[in-house]
Protein backbone atom coordinates (compact mmCIF):
# COMPACT_ATOMS: atom_id res chain seq x y z
CA MET A 1 -98.34 -79.89 -242.07
CA GLY A 2 -96.86 -79.44 -238.63
CA SER A 3 -99.24 -77.11 -237.33
CA MET A 4 -101.84 -79.02 -238.31
CA GLU A 5 -100.50 -81.98 -236.27
CA GLY A 6 -99.77 -79.81 -233.62
CA ALA A 7 -103.73 -78.52 -233.51
CA ARG A 8 -104.82 -82.13 -233.65
CA GLN A 9 -102.42 -83.05 -230.57
CA GLY A 10 -103.77 -79.92 -228.53
CA TRP A 11 -107.08 -81.31 -228.80
CA GLN A 12 -106.41 -84.69 -227.93
CA TYR A 13 -104.27 -83.26 -225.19
CA ASN A 14 -107.08 -80.91 -223.86
CA LYS A 15 -109.57 -84.20 -224.30
CA VAL A 16 -107.59 -86.20 -221.84
CA ARG A 17 -106.70 -83.16 -219.56
CA GLY A 18 -110.02 -82.11 -219.10
CA ARG A 19 -112.58 -84.52 -219.41
CA ASP A 20 -115.55 -82.05 -219.07
CA LEU A 21 -114.63 -79.73 -221.67
CA GLY A 22 -117.22 -80.78 -224.18
CA ARG A 23 -119.82 -79.47 -221.51
CA ALA A 24 -118.15 -76.16 -221.02
CA GLY A 25 -118.59 -75.46 -224.91
CA PRO A 26 -116.70 -75.51 -227.92
CA ILE A 27 -114.40 -72.72 -227.67
CA LEU A 28 -112.88 -74.61 -224.50
CA GLY A 29 -112.19 -77.96 -226.43
CA ARG A 30 -110.28 -75.87 -229.27
CA ARG A 31 -108.18 -73.54 -226.88
CA ARG A 32 -104.58 -74.67 -225.69
CA GLY A 33 -102.56 -71.53 -225.20
CA LYS A 34 -104.32 -68.75 -223.24
CA THR A 35 -106.93 -70.16 -220.83
CA ALA A 36 -110.83 -69.44 -222.39
CA VAL A 37 -111.72 -67.53 -219.23
CA ASN A 38 -110.97 -64.23 -220.80
CA ARG A 39 -113.37 -65.37 -223.72
CA PHE A 40 -116.14 -66.10 -221.25
CA TYR A 41 -115.78 -63.30 -219.27
CA PRO A 42 -113.81 -60.40 -220.67
CA SER A 43 -115.41 -57.93 -218.70
CA LEU A 44 -113.38 -59.33 -215.48
CA LEU A 45 -110.31 -57.83 -217.07
CA SER A 46 -111.86 -55.00 -218.46
CA PRO A 47 -109.64 -51.52 -218.22
CA THR A 48 -113.22 -49.51 -217.33
CA LEU A 49 -113.16 -51.43 -214.18
CA LEU A 50 -109.65 -51.20 -212.94
CA PRO A 51 -107.71 -47.73 -211.89
CA SER A 52 -105.51 -48.09 -214.85
CA ALA A 53 -106.33 -48.35 -218.32
CA ARG A 54 -103.06 -51.06 -218.84
CA ARG A 55 -104.30 -54.20 -218.96
CA PRO A 56 -102.58 -55.71 -215.99
CA PRO A 57 -100.39 -59.05 -216.63
CA ALA A 58 -101.67 -62.45 -216.62
CA SER A 59 -102.51 -63.85 -212.92
CA PRO A 60 -101.27 -67.29 -212.26
CA ILE A 61 -104.45 -68.46 -212.01
CA PHE A 62 -105.20 -68.12 -215.69
CA THR A 63 -102.46 -70.37 -216.42
CA ARG A 64 -103.24 -74.37 -218.02
CA ARG A 65 -100.84 -75.57 -215.13
CA PRO A 66 -101.78 -75.28 -211.62
CA SER A 67 -99.04 -74.26 -209.24
CA ARG A 68 -98.86 -76.16 -206.47
CA GLU A 69 -100.11 -73.95 -203.82
CA LEU A 70 -102.73 -73.66 -206.88
CA ALA A 71 -103.27 -77.51 -206.79
CA GLN A 72 -103.40 -77.75 -202.95
CA LEU A 73 -106.49 -75.01 -202.87
CA HIS A 74 -107.88 -77.35 -205.82
CA PHE A 75 -107.72 -80.07 -203.40
CA GLU A 76 -108.99 -78.46 -199.94
CA LEU A 77 -112.23 -77.09 -202.01
CA GLY A 78 -112.93 -80.75 -203.36
CA TYR A 79 -111.98 -81.07 -206.73
CA PRO A 80 -111.35 -84.72 -207.71
CA ASP A 81 -109.01 -83.58 -210.61
CA ARG A 82 -106.34 -80.95 -209.34
CA ARG A 83 -105.41 -80.57 -212.89
CA SER A 84 -108.08 -79.90 -214.79
CA ILE A 85 -108.08 -76.24 -216.20
CA LEU A 86 -111.91 -75.58 -215.03
CA ALA A 87 -110.70 -75.33 -211.66
CA PRO A 88 -109.51 -71.67 -211.89
CA LEU A 89 -112.51 -71.02 -213.97
CA SER A 90 -114.59 -71.61 -210.55
CA ILE A 91 -112.47 -70.65 -208.44
CA MET A 92 -112.98 -67.15 -210.09
CA GLN A 93 -116.52 -67.65 -210.25
CA LEU A 94 -116.52 -68.37 -206.32
CA GLY A 95 -114.49 -65.24 -205.38
CA ILE A 96 -117.12 -62.97 -207.40
CA ASN A 97 -120.07 -64.45 -206.35
CA THR A 98 -118.61 -63.75 -202.82
CA LEU A 99 -118.05 -60.15 -202.90
CA PRO A 100 -120.50 -57.92 -201.27
CA GLN A 101 -123.48 -56.63 -202.66
CA GLU A 102 -122.48 -53.50 -201.19
CA LEU A 103 -119.46 -53.59 -203.05
CA ILE A 104 -120.73 -54.57 -205.98
CA ASP A 105 -123.11 -51.95 -205.79
CA ALA A 106 -120.43 -49.35 -205.50
CA ILE A 107 -118.53 -50.63 -208.48
CA ILE A 108 -121.36 -50.41 -210.87
CA ASP A 109 -122.52 -47.05 -209.39
CA GLU A 110 -119.16 -45.79 -210.13
CA ASN A 111 -119.52 -47.08 -213.99
CA GLN A 112 -122.85 -45.67 -214.35
CA ASP A 113 -122.22 -43.31 -217.14
CA ASP A 114 -120.06 -45.85 -219.14
CA GLN A 115 -122.64 -47.83 -221.21
CA ALA A 116 -119.89 -50.42 -222.33
CA ALA A 117 -118.61 -51.06 -218.95
CA LEU A 118 -122.12 -51.46 -217.27
CA ARG A 119 -122.85 -54.27 -220.25
CA ALA A 120 -119.59 -55.75 -219.08
CA CYS A 121 -120.66 -55.99 -215.60
CA SER A 122 -124.10 -57.49 -216.57
CA LEU A 123 -122.22 -60.54 -217.93
CA VAL A 124 -120.00 -61.15 -214.47
CA ALA A 125 -122.59 -63.34 -212.42
CA ARG A 126 -125.95 -63.09 -211.48
CA PRO A 127 -125.40 -60.72 -208.21
CA TRP A 128 -123.85 -57.88 -210.90
CA THR A 129 -126.85 -58.39 -213.57
CA TYR A 130 -129.80 -56.72 -211.37
CA SER A 131 -127.41 -53.73 -210.11
CA SER A 132 -126.11 -52.92 -213.86
CA GLN A 133 -129.38 -53.33 -215.63
CA ARG A 134 -130.84 -50.78 -213.16
CA HIS A 135 -128.73 -48.30 -214.75
CA ILE A 136 -128.69 -49.36 -218.20
CA PHE A 137 -132.26 -49.16 -218.70
CA SER A 138 -132.81 -46.15 -216.41
CA ARG A 139 -132.75 -44.13 -219.56
CA VAL A 140 -134.48 -45.23 -222.84
CA HIS A 141 -134.43 -43.57 -226.11
CA PHE A 142 -137.42 -44.15 -228.86
CA ARG A 143 -135.35 -41.69 -231.88
CA ASN A 144 -137.02 -41.37 -234.95
CA HIS A 145 -133.45 -42.30 -237.03
CA SER A 146 -134.96 -41.56 -240.08
CA GLN A 147 -134.96 -37.60 -239.59
CA CYS A 148 -131.35 -37.51 -238.85
CA TYR A 149 -129.25 -40.52 -240.22
CA TYR A 150 -131.26 -42.80 -242.23
CA PRO A 151 -133.61 -40.76 -244.97
CA GLY A 152 -136.51 -42.97 -246.19
CA LYS A 153 -136.20 -45.46 -243.93
CA LEU A 154 -138.62 -45.21 -241.15
CA TYR A 155 -138.72 -48.82 -239.74
CA LYS A 156 -135.65 -47.52 -237.76
CA THR A 157 -138.04 -46.29 -234.86
CA SER A 158 -140.46 -48.93 -235.27
CA CYS A 159 -137.78 -51.89 -234.53
CA GLU A 160 -136.65 -50.02 -231.78
CA ILE A 161 -140.23 -49.64 -230.16
CA ASN A 162 -140.78 -53.44 -230.85
CA ARG A 163 -137.69 -54.70 -229.66
CA PHE A 164 -137.98 -52.47 -226.29
CA HIS A 165 -141.59 -53.92 -225.79
CA ASN A 166 -140.83 -57.08 -226.65
CA LEU A 167 -137.82 -57.33 -224.05
CA ILE A 168 -139.98 -55.97 -221.37
CA SER A 169 -142.53 -58.47 -221.93
CA THR A 170 -140.73 -61.20 -221.63
CA ARG A 171 -138.72 -59.42 -218.52
CA PRO A 172 -141.29 -57.31 -217.01
CA HIS A 173 -138.89 -56.49 -213.86
CA LEU A 174 -136.66 -53.96 -216.85
CA ALA A 175 -139.85 -52.09 -217.28
CA SER A 176 -139.50 -50.88 -213.70
CA PHE A 177 -136.04 -49.63 -214.02
CA VAL A 178 -136.86 -46.78 -216.62
CA ARG A 179 -136.77 -43.39 -215.18
CA THR A 180 -136.58 -41.22 -218.19
CA LEU A 181 -138.17 -41.52 -221.60
CA GLU A 182 -136.94 -39.77 -224.57
CA VAL A 183 -139.52 -39.74 -227.71
CA GLU A 184 -139.55 -38.40 -230.79
CA PRO A 185 -142.33 -37.84 -233.59
CA ILE A 186 -143.27 -41.23 -234.69
CA LEU A 187 -144.25 -41.28 -238.37
CA ASP A 188 -145.42 -45.17 -238.30
CA ALA A 189 -148.87 -44.87 -237.39
CA ALA A 190 -148.98 -48.80 -237.03
CA GLN A 191 -146.39 -48.19 -233.92
CA GLU A 192 -148.29 -46.01 -232.03
CA GLN A 193 -150.68 -48.14 -230.75
CA LEU A 194 -147.47 -50.01 -229.56
CA LEU A 195 -146.46 -46.77 -228.07
CA ALA A 196 -149.10 -46.22 -225.43
CA CYS A 197 -149.08 -50.14 -224.36
CA THR A 198 -145.26 -49.50 -223.80
CA LEU A 199 -145.91 -46.10 -221.71
CA GLN A 200 -148.29 -47.99 -219.70
CA LYS A 201 -145.89 -50.64 -218.45
CA LEU A 202 -143.39 -48.04 -217.26
CA VAL A 203 -144.45 -47.44 -213.82
CA ASN A 204 -141.65 -45.72 -212.45
CA LEU A 205 -141.23 -43.25 -215.19
CA GLU A 206 -140.17 -39.80 -213.35
CA CYS A 207 -138.65 -37.75 -216.52
CA ILE A 208 -140.38 -37.54 -220.34
CA SER A 209 -138.24 -35.50 -223.07
CA LEU A 210 -140.27 -35.00 -226.17
CA ASP A 211 -138.01 -33.83 -229.14
CA LEU A 212 -140.47 -32.51 -231.97
CA GLY A 213 -137.72 -32.12 -234.12
CA GLY A 214 -139.36 -28.92 -236.14
CA TYR A 215 -142.91 -30.64 -236.04
CA TYR A 216 -146.41 -29.11 -234.95
CA TRP A 217 -147.85 -30.80 -232.26
CA ASP A 218 -150.81 -31.04 -233.98
CA GLU A 219 -148.79 -32.99 -236.24
CA LEU A 220 -148.64 -35.93 -233.92
CA SER A 221 -151.69 -38.23 -234.48
CA GLN A 222 -154.50 -37.97 -231.65
CA CYS A 223 -153.25 -41.68 -230.44
CA MET A 224 -149.63 -40.17 -229.74
CA ARG A 225 -150.99 -36.76 -228.27
CA ASP A 226 -153.16 -39.04 -226.30
CA ALA A 227 -150.64 -41.65 -224.99
CA LEU A 228 -148.17 -38.79 -223.93
CA ILE A 229 -151.02 -36.49 -222.19
CA THR A 230 -152.04 -39.82 -220.31
CA THR A 231 -148.29 -40.52 -219.27
CA VAL A 232 -147.55 -36.85 -218.19
CA ARG A 233 -150.76 -37.27 -215.74
CA SER A 234 -149.23 -39.43 -213.86
CA PRO A 235 -147.99 -38.06 -210.35
CA ARG A 236 -144.57 -39.95 -210.73
CA ILE A 237 -143.61 -37.49 -213.78
CA THR A 238 -142.11 -34.23 -212.12
CA ASN A 239 -139.84 -33.60 -215.03
CA LEU A 240 -140.80 -32.81 -218.45
CA GLU A 241 -138.57 -31.39 -221.47
CA LEU A 242 -139.71 -30.04 -224.72
CA ARG A 243 -137.48 -29.37 -227.61
CA GLU A 244 -137.84 -28.01 -230.86
CA GLY A 245 -141.42 -27.85 -231.47
CA LEU A 246 -144.29 -25.66 -232.68
CA PHE A 247 -148.01 -25.14 -231.57
CA LEU A 248 -150.70 -24.06 -233.62
CA ARG A 249 -152.23 -22.15 -230.61
CA CYS A 250 -150.59 -21.08 -227.40
CA ALA A 251 -153.88 -22.87 -225.38
CA ASP A 252 -152.13 -26.38 -226.73
CA PHE A 253 -149.19 -25.44 -225.22
CA LEU A 254 -150.57 -24.36 -221.71
CA ALA A 255 -152.72 -27.31 -221.99
CA LEU A 256 -150.00 -29.69 -222.11
CA LEU A 257 -148.26 -27.95 -219.29
CA GLY A 258 -151.26 -28.40 -217.06
CA ALA A 259 -151.60 -32.21 -217.70
CA CYS A 260 -148.36 -32.03 -215.78
CA GLU A 261 -149.89 -31.76 -212.25
CA HIS A 262 -146.95 -32.65 -209.99
CA LEU A 263 -144.28 -30.78 -211.89
CA LYS A 264 -141.20 -29.87 -210.31
CA ARG A 265 -138.32 -29.46 -213.35
CA LEU A 266 -139.40 -27.83 -216.49
CA SER A 267 -136.96 -27.57 -219.38
CA LEU A 268 -138.08 -25.26 -222.38
CA SER A 269 -136.03 -25.25 -225.68
CA ALA A 270 -136.60 -23.56 -228.73
CA MET A 271 -140.57 -23.96 -228.32
CA SER A 272 -143.11 -21.42 -230.18
CA CYS A 273 -146.35 -20.83 -231.22
CA ASP A 274 -148.19 -19.43 -234.28
CA ASP A 275 -150.83 -17.37 -232.72
CA LEU A 276 -147.85 -15.61 -230.34
CA GLU A 277 -148.14 -12.06 -231.66
CA GLU A 278 -151.82 -12.14 -230.34
CA PHE A 279 -151.11 -14.46 -227.23
CA VAL A 280 -148.58 -11.68 -226.37
CA GLN A 281 -150.77 -8.61 -226.85
CA ALA A 282 -153.50 -10.16 -225.04
CA ASP A 283 -154.61 -8.26 -221.87
CA VAL A 284 -156.54 -10.90 -220.21
CA ALA A 285 -154.49 -12.87 -217.36
CA VAL A 286 -152.46 -16.07 -218.42
CA THR A 287 -153.33 -19.07 -216.38
CA LEU A 288 -152.53 -22.61 -216.62
CA PRO A 289 -156.09 -24.80 -217.56
CA SER A 290 -158.02 -26.04 -214.18
CA GLY A 291 -156.86 -23.62 -211.60
CA LEU A 292 -153.83 -25.68 -211.59
CA ASN A 293 -150.74 -24.10 -209.43
CA LEU A 294 -147.16 -25.35 -210.44
CA GLN A 295 -144.64 -25.01 -207.61
CA LEU A 296 -141.23 -25.22 -210.10
CA ASP A 297 -137.54 -26.30 -207.95
CA SER A 298 -135.93 -26.41 -211.38
CA LEU A 299 -136.00 -24.36 -214.79
CA ALA A 300 -134.31 -24.71 -218.22
CA LEU A 301 -134.66 -21.91 -220.72
CA SER A 302 -132.85 -22.05 -224.02
CA LEU A 303 -133.94 -19.39 -226.44
CA TYR A 304 -132.22 -20.03 -229.60
CA GLU A 305 -134.45 -17.33 -231.72
CA GLN A 306 -135.37 -13.94 -231.19
CA SER A 307 -139.33 -15.25 -231.76
CA TYR A 308 -138.95 -17.31 -228.55
CA LEU A 309 -138.23 -14.38 -226.39
CA PRO A 310 -141.89 -13.00 -225.97
CA LEU A 311 -143.06 -16.67 -225.38
CA MET A 312 -140.74 -17.12 -222.76
CA HIS A 313 -141.48 -13.60 -221.33
CA ARG A 314 -145.52 -14.48 -221.02
CA LEU A 315 -144.97 -17.82 -219.62
CA LEU A 316 -143.11 -16.72 -217.16
CA HIS A 317 -145.86 -14.24 -216.08
CA LEU A 318 -147.94 -17.02 -215.48
CA GLN A 319 -148.16 -16.60 -211.40
CA PRO A 320 -149.80 -17.84 -209.46
CA SER A 321 -150.20 -20.36 -211.70
CA MET A 322 -146.71 -21.22 -212.05
CA ASP A 323 -144.91 -20.22 -208.61
CA LEU A 324 -140.89 -19.58 -209.33
CA SER A 325 -139.91 -18.62 -205.79
CA HIS A 326 -138.80 -22.17 -204.81
CA LEU A 327 -136.35 -22.73 -207.58
CA HIS A 328 -133.10 -23.98 -206.84
CA ARG A 329 -131.51 -24.71 -210.28
CA LEU A 330 -131.86 -22.10 -212.85
CA SER A 331 -130.47 -22.27 -216.38
CA VAL A 332 -131.02 -19.45 -219.19
CA LEU A 333 -129.16 -19.73 -222.45
CA THR A 334 -129.57 -17.69 -225.43
CA ALA A 335 -128.26 -17.43 -228.57
CA GLY A 336 -129.02 -15.94 -232.60
CA SER A 337 -127.75 -13.75 -234.73
CA GLY A 338 -127.90 -10.28 -233.40
CA HIS A 339 -130.29 -9.03 -230.95
CA LEU A 340 -127.56 -9.31 -228.43
CA SER A 341 -128.65 -6.35 -226.41
CA GLU A 342 -132.43 -7.91 -226.03
CA ARG A 343 -131.46 -11.15 -225.08
CA ILE A 344 -128.94 -9.50 -222.46
CA GLU A 345 -132.40 -7.76 -221.14
CA ALA A 346 -134.53 -11.00 -221.34
CA THR A 347 -132.01 -12.94 -219.49
CA LYS A 348 -132.15 -10.16 -216.47
CA GLU A 349 -135.62 -10.03 -216.91
CA ILE A 350 -135.89 -13.82 -215.96
CA LEU A 351 -133.58 -13.58 -213.66
CA LYS A 352 -135.39 -10.96 -211.33
CA LEU A 353 -138.60 -13.50 -211.34
CA ASN A 354 -136.82 -16.29 -209.19
CA SER A 355 -136.55 -16.73 -206.07
CA ASN A 356 -133.94 -16.30 -202.98
CA SER A 357 -133.41 -19.85 -202.89
CA LEU A 358 -131.26 -20.37 -206.00
CA GLN A 359 -128.52 -22.30 -205.62
CA HIS A 360 -127.26 -23.61 -209.38
CA LEU A 361 -127.26 -21.05 -211.46
CA VAL A 362 -126.41 -21.24 -215.53
CA LEU A 363 -125.51 -18.83 -218.16
CA ASN A 364 -123.91 -18.07 -221.25
CA LEU A 365 -124.49 -13.80 -221.48
CA CYS A 366 -122.47 -11.10 -220.26
CA LEU A 367 -125.15 -9.23 -217.52
CA GLY A 368 -122.51 -6.34 -217.39
CA GLU A 369 -123.88 -5.31 -213.66
CA PRO A 370 -123.29 -7.71 -210.56
CA LEU A 371 -125.33 -10.98 -210.30
CA SER A 372 -126.46 -9.35 -206.86
CA ASN A 373 -128.98 -6.79 -208.88
CA PHE A 374 -131.11 -9.66 -210.00
CA ILE A 375 -130.64 -12.89 -208.02
CA ASP A 376 -129.57 -13.34 -204.05
CA ILE A 377 -126.36 -14.66 -204.26
CA LYS A 378 -126.47 -16.10 -200.72
CA GLN A 379 -127.66 -19.28 -200.97
CA LEU A 380 -125.79 -20.14 -204.86
CA LEU A 381 -123.34 -23.03 -204.42
CA SER A 382 -122.55 -23.54 -207.79
CA ILE A 383 -122.39 -21.36 -211.46
CA ARG A 384 -121.78 -22.58 -214.58
CA ILE A 385 -120.95 -19.92 -216.99
CA LYS A 386 -120.68 -20.33 -221.01
CA LEU A 387 -118.34 -18.07 -222.78
CA TRP A 388 -119.27 -18.15 -226.35
CA TRP A 389 -116.47 -16.16 -228.49
CA ILE A 390 -116.95 -17.52 -232.11
CA ARG A 391 -118.54 -14.69 -233.59
CA VAL A 392 -118.48 -10.83 -232.27
CA ASP A 393 -121.82 -10.54 -232.99
CA GLN A 394 -123.19 -12.77 -230.75
CA HIS A 395 -121.31 -12.49 -227.79
CA THR A 396 -119.76 -9.91 -225.66
CA GLU A 397 -115.75 -8.93 -226.25
CA PRO A 398 -113.52 -11.03 -224.00
CA THR A 399 -112.10 -8.21 -222.31
CA LEU A 400 -115.55 -7.26 -221.12
CA TRP A 401 -116.47 -10.57 -220.33
CA LEU A 402 -113.47 -11.45 -217.85
CA ARG A 403 -113.83 -8.01 -215.98
CA TRP A 404 -117.38 -9.00 -215.48
CA LEU A 405 -116.54 -12.22 -214.23
CA ILE A 406 -114.34 -10.79 -212.40
CA GLU A 407 -116.50 -8.19 -210.51
CA SER A 408 -118.96 -11.17 -209.94
CA PHE A 409 -116.66 -13.34 -208.39
CA GLN A 410 -115.67 -10.67 -205.84
CA GLU A 411 -119.10 -10.70 -204.60
CA LEU A 412 -119.36 -14.47 -204.66
CA ALA A 413 -116.20 -14.90 -202.67
CA LYS A 414 -118.09 -13.60 -199.43
CA HIS A 415 -120.66 -16.08 -199.81
CA ARG A 416 -120.50 -20.16 -199.83
CA VAL A 417 -120.05 -20.79 -203.64
CA GLU A 418 -118.60 -24.74 -203.92
CA GLU A 419 -118.29 -25.25 -207.64
CA VAL A 420 -117.42 -23.32 -210.66
CA THR A 421 -117.17 -23.98 -214.40
CA PHE A 422 -116.22 -22.32 -217.53
CA GLU A 423 -117.09 -23.77 -220.72
CA ILE A 424 -115.29 -21.41 -223.41
CA PHE A 425 -116.24 -22.25 -226.78
CA TYR A 426 -113.17 -19.86 -229.03
CA ASN A 427 -111.94 -20.06 -232.89
CA SER A 428 -108.86 -17.97 -231.31
CA ASP A 429 -106.04 -17.76 -228.58
CA TRP A 430 -108.56 -17.53 -225.53
CA THR A 431 -105.20 -16.95 -223.40
CA ALA A 432 -104.42 -14.01 -224.98
CA TYR A 433 -106.12 -11.92 -222.14
CA THR A 434 -103.23 -12.50 -219.44
CA ALA A 435 -104.27 -9.62 -217.25
CA GLU A 436 -107.96 -10.47 -216.95
CA TRP A 437 -107.15 -14.31 -216.31
CA ALA A 438 -104.40 -13.25 -213.62
CA ALA A 439 -107.41 -10.92 -211.68
CA LEU A 440 -109.67 -13.69 -211.99
CA ASP A 441 -107.52 -16.32 -210.71
CA ALA A 442 -106.73 -14.64 -207.65
CA VAL A 443 -110.24 -13.69 -207.15
CA LEU A 444 -110.93 -17.62 -207.28
CA GLY A 445 -107.93 -18.59 -205.40
CA GLN A 446 -109.21 -16.64 -202.18
CA MET A 447 -112.53 -18.28 -202.62
CA ARG A 448 -111.76 -20.88 -199.55
CA SER A 449 -115.11 -22.53 -199.80
CA LEU A 450 -114.53 -23.77 -203.88
CA THR A 451 -114.02 -27.30 -203.90
CA LYS A 452 -113.98 -27.66 -207.96
CA VAL A 453 -112.90 -25.38 -210.87
CA HIS A 454 -113.83 -26.74 -214.03
CA VAL A 455 -112.46 -25.58 -217.60
CA LYS A 456 -114.15 -27.25 -220.75
CA LEU A 457 -112.81 -26.03 -223.81
CA ASP A 458 -114.27 -26.21 -227.42
CA ALA A 459 -111.92 -25.08 -230.41
CA TYR A 460 -113.40 -24.06 -233.46
CA ASP A 461 -111.41 -24.57 -236.96
CA ASP A 462 -112.09 -21.78 -239.09
CA VAL A 463 -110.12 -23.38 -242.19
CA LYS A 464 -111.79 -26.92 -241.41
CA GLY A 465 -115.30 -25.70 -240.66
CA ARG A 466 -115.67 -27.88 -237.79
CA TRP A 467 -114.86 -28.46 -234.30
CA LYS A 468 -111.67 -29.84 -233.01
CA TYR A 469 -111.41 -33.26 -232.52
CA PRO A 470 -110.01 -34.49 -228.69
CA ARG A 471 -106.57 -35.68 -230.55
CA GLU A 472 -105.92 -32.39 -232.65
CA TYR A 473 -105.89 -29.97 -229.41
CA SER A 474 -102.31 -29.11 -228.60
CA VAL A 475 -100.22 -31.44 -226.15
CA THR A 476 -99.64 -28.35 -223.90
CA ALA A 477 -103.46 -27.50 -223.87
CA THR A 478 -103.51 -28.75 -220.19
CA LYS A 479 -100.28 -26.70 -219.18
CA ASP A 480 -101.86 -23.53 -220.91
CA VAL A 481 -104.83 -23.78 -218.41
CA GLU A 482 -102.76 -24.41 -215.52
CA ARG A 483 -100.37 -21.60 -216.29
CA ILE A 484 -103.57 -18.88 -216.81
CA LEU A 485 -105.18 -20.18 -213.36
CA PRO A 486 -102.14 -20.97 -211.33
CA ALA A 487 -103.71 -20.36 -207.99
CA VAL A 488 -106.62 -22.53 -208.67
CA CYS A 489 -103.93 -25.21 -210.14
CA SER A 490 -102.04 -24.91 -206.60
CA ARG A 491 -104.84 -25.59 -204.72
CA LYS A 492 -105.62 -28.90 -206.63
CA ILE A 493 -109.24 -27.83 -207.37
CA LEU A 494 -108.70 -27.57 -211.27
CA ALA A 495 -109.97 -30.06 -213.71
CA CYS A 496 -109.55 -29.66 -217.46
CA GLN A 497 -111.38 -30.99 -220.15
CA PHE A 498 -110.95 -30.89 -223.91
CA ALA A 499 -113.69 -31.21 -226.44
CA ALA A 500 -116.17 -31.33 -223.75
CA ASN A 501 -119.28 -30.27 -226.12
CA PHE A 502 -118.35 -31.21 -228.98
CA THR A 503 -116.70 -34.41 -229.27
CA CYS A 504 -116.61 -35.23 -233.50
């Protein structure tokens, strides 16, 4: 009974002390303890926007009873009632709105990879909304959830497209923010026309990522294929990603590539064709349709099965239709059971086709020979090595891996490599090769051009049959990395990350 009476008195107190509370909403009228500012603007105290993850102590400006200095400030700002609890909210809004737009943009850019922080920023005030939305809608996904998470519920994809189409219809400026679009096969024929209409509105689209999910290109409806081909013909489309797809005819695959007349960055992952054998054995020269000549700046190849290698060999001999002499970025990843020697030879062949302007390289195989045998390493700025130490039949022995890395970086030490990344996938003690790690650390420590060395670890638990969760890594894991690479650590250029690729 006492609590009910206290609550009633508190409501009357607020009603008298703050005469305009009813206009501010029912939440303000009911709260007597903490201010309701935090309920309306939680993002202002969000840990993601602060240097420390710990929430700071409450500021006096958020208390119900204003201090004498705050009351004087209320008077100077012209508030008729110095005791109004709405005054702190107005002061806070005034401070937020007077921040320079450059500072607001810098805060938002710093959090561009954190969707929760971006959504919080978009609710702070009007000057924050536009910049936040620019990052929130820069990448849009049209996913076929029915394949992965919701068996038999095809409406999941349709609802996403419907919602997004309705959103950009009511707020057209949001469509101009979309730079990257990820699409999966749409199995609902009723939504295909809606997809075509949506694609037409994305006037600033630069990248299309098509994940066929194991489907054949011919299994897509003619409407969807036409919509995608029409979109990639846009002069703005410079980046194309194709994943997990099959083509009945290689000619259709080349026709899709040929539609991208302004292509600069190409990524192919696990793509293949049914008539691959005939295509590879053909004596005729392979060219893109209409005599198109593509000059690529970036090429990423992921070859997960042995059958994909011949296709990549053939495609990479499309010159002069596909010019690789000006590549700045190259990623060659191969995997699969067995055939390790063939995958190594395929990787070497791909490297030899590339330019003397290569600046960024990604590999996951031990080549056993100096990199300078395949590429010009003088311009190389960054190199990322993925060390797959899970199954013996799929990788080189760790000691041979490390010895090859030592020889490679001894060569690179003479040039201007700035960033090195080691991604290690393991199921046993990766620090056991003490002598090899010590030699590699000595070489890296002498590379004056290095500004960052990343070590990203992913541990596989053989007993549980899964990758370890972040919380399952040893509390001394960071110390172990620092112990293995002391020279790099002493230069304060070492960065560690655990469960880097498999977070759950």
